[in-house]
Each structure stands twice: as C-alpha cells, then as structure tokens.
Amino acid sequence: MKKLILFSLIVLSNLTYGQNFPGKNLDLLIGKELKVKTKDESLQKYGYTEFYKDSKLKIKFDNSELVGNSKYKSLVGKIFKMVSFEPYTDLVNVDKFKLKIENPELGILYYDYDPRFELEFEFEVLGGINYPEDFFCNEIIMTRDKFSGEFSYSSPSSQIEFFKVISGNTARTQMSLKVFGSKLVLNTKGITILLDNGFRIVKPDVKVEVSAVKSTKGYCYSAFFDLTQNDIDILTANKITDYRLYTYDANVTTGNTLLEYIKCIANK
C-alpha cells in the first residue's frame, strides 16, 4: 500500500510540476499568485527584462542604467497577483499581452508578456496551472496539402519540436532540435537526448546543420530526424531533461509541456 501511495505521489508530481505557462490563455492565471523566478548567478547582473511602471510599457521598473532592465534584487522572489490582462500588437506586429500585476510592497506594475516563448516567462505560478482537457492537443498545428491530401501535424515553434506526416496509410514522426554554440563548426553529426528516468536516445549519424550567421546567442545548430517507434514509446513516457547537438548542450525546463505535445502528436 505504501508503495502504491508513493507511486501515485510521483505520478502526480510529474503531472503538475512545471505546469507553469498559459500560452494565449491568460484566463488560466486569474486568481493565481505569480512568483518572480530566481536566475543563475551569471545572469543576475542582467536583471529582468519585462517589468514596467506604466501601462504604455515605456518606463522600466527600477531601471539599471548599466543594462536597461529592472534590477535583480528588486524583484527576485516577489509574489504578485494578476489584476487583469490586455492584448496588444507591438511595433513589429507580434501579438502580445500587457499583464497588470500587484504586489503589497511594490504596488501596481505591468508585465510585457509574449505567449510564444515559455522559456522567457519570468514567473513561477504558485500551485501550478489547472489546464483544461485537450489544452496541449489544441496547440498542435494541422495542415493539409490540397494536392496530395497529405496531413501534417506540428507542435508549437520552440527549440524542440515534434512533427507527424500522414500520407495514405503511412505515417512518419519526426523531431527537431536547436541549440546555440559559440563557434562555427561545419559538417558535424550526432545528437543525444537525456530523459528523467535515466534513459537516453543517441543517434550518432544524424546530421547537424549550422547557420553561418551569428546572433547574440551564438551560432544556431539544428538537427531534424525521424523517430522510431521505440523512440516514441520512450518520449511519451518520460520527460526530456537535456540534449546535445554535436558538442553543444542545452538544459530543458519545459519537459512536462513537451511530454504532452509528443503524446498528442503520437495519437494523431
């Protein structure tokens, strides 16, 4: 009986931990407390990027003249309640939201929220988000080629994406990985995916492409490859924690979300 209870607690933890990102469904944050995340020591000097004193998002809260962002010590660990949210389109035609948030000590602030990027969301939702049924599957994008009749499914754009192509009675499930590296290295191979149960998926022959254009994050390395049924079985039962392309590594903080996406893709 004790083993059964322990197993249930582990399953519950895996289902709820990390359920932290509402996407475009800001109603899911109503009544929730939002705690400003801690950052790695090396990133603390850059502070927080999206906190403002005014609803027009012009004046940064407690601005650091050095980097132009809000000071780390002024916000880390602070707990806010979301008062309201308002959709808007920014100067480059990206649909975003202004979150009106309140803290007993700091008063009313505004947060510039981009629903596309989970990794850039600077809050932990205390108690997690109670997602409605089919929330993640509704995020899967479906397209149909009107000439061939081929159906394609894809998870939302991120550094890890899943795809499925169905043509007649055949189907291919695929995966895409991206990571940034500091140096430009051509003609590389090999990917490794680590999972939370200690398993790993290793594909030494997968070709790794690299963009010749260096961004502020470095050079973008990417790999696109087929998943075997064994790969799919592992990925639909375990969270991804880390991955490597060639010699460049990335830590995964969205393992729960990715787990839900691959389960939706696999069931198409």
Foldseek 3Di string as FASTA:
>chain_A
DVVVVVVVVVVVCLQFPLLFADQPNCVLQAPWKWFFADDDPVCQQLAAAFKAADPVSPHEDCADPVNGHHHNVVGHGFIKRFPDKDWDADPVRAIWMWTWIQGPVPGTMIGTGHSQDPVNPRIGTVVHTDDDPCNLLVQWDWDADPVQRKIKIKHRDDQKIWIWIDHPPDIWIKIKHKDADADDDPFAFKKKWAWPVGDMDIDRHFTKDWDPDADPRHIMIMTMDTDDPVNLVVLLVTFTAKMDGRHDIDGDSNRSSSNVNSVSNVVD
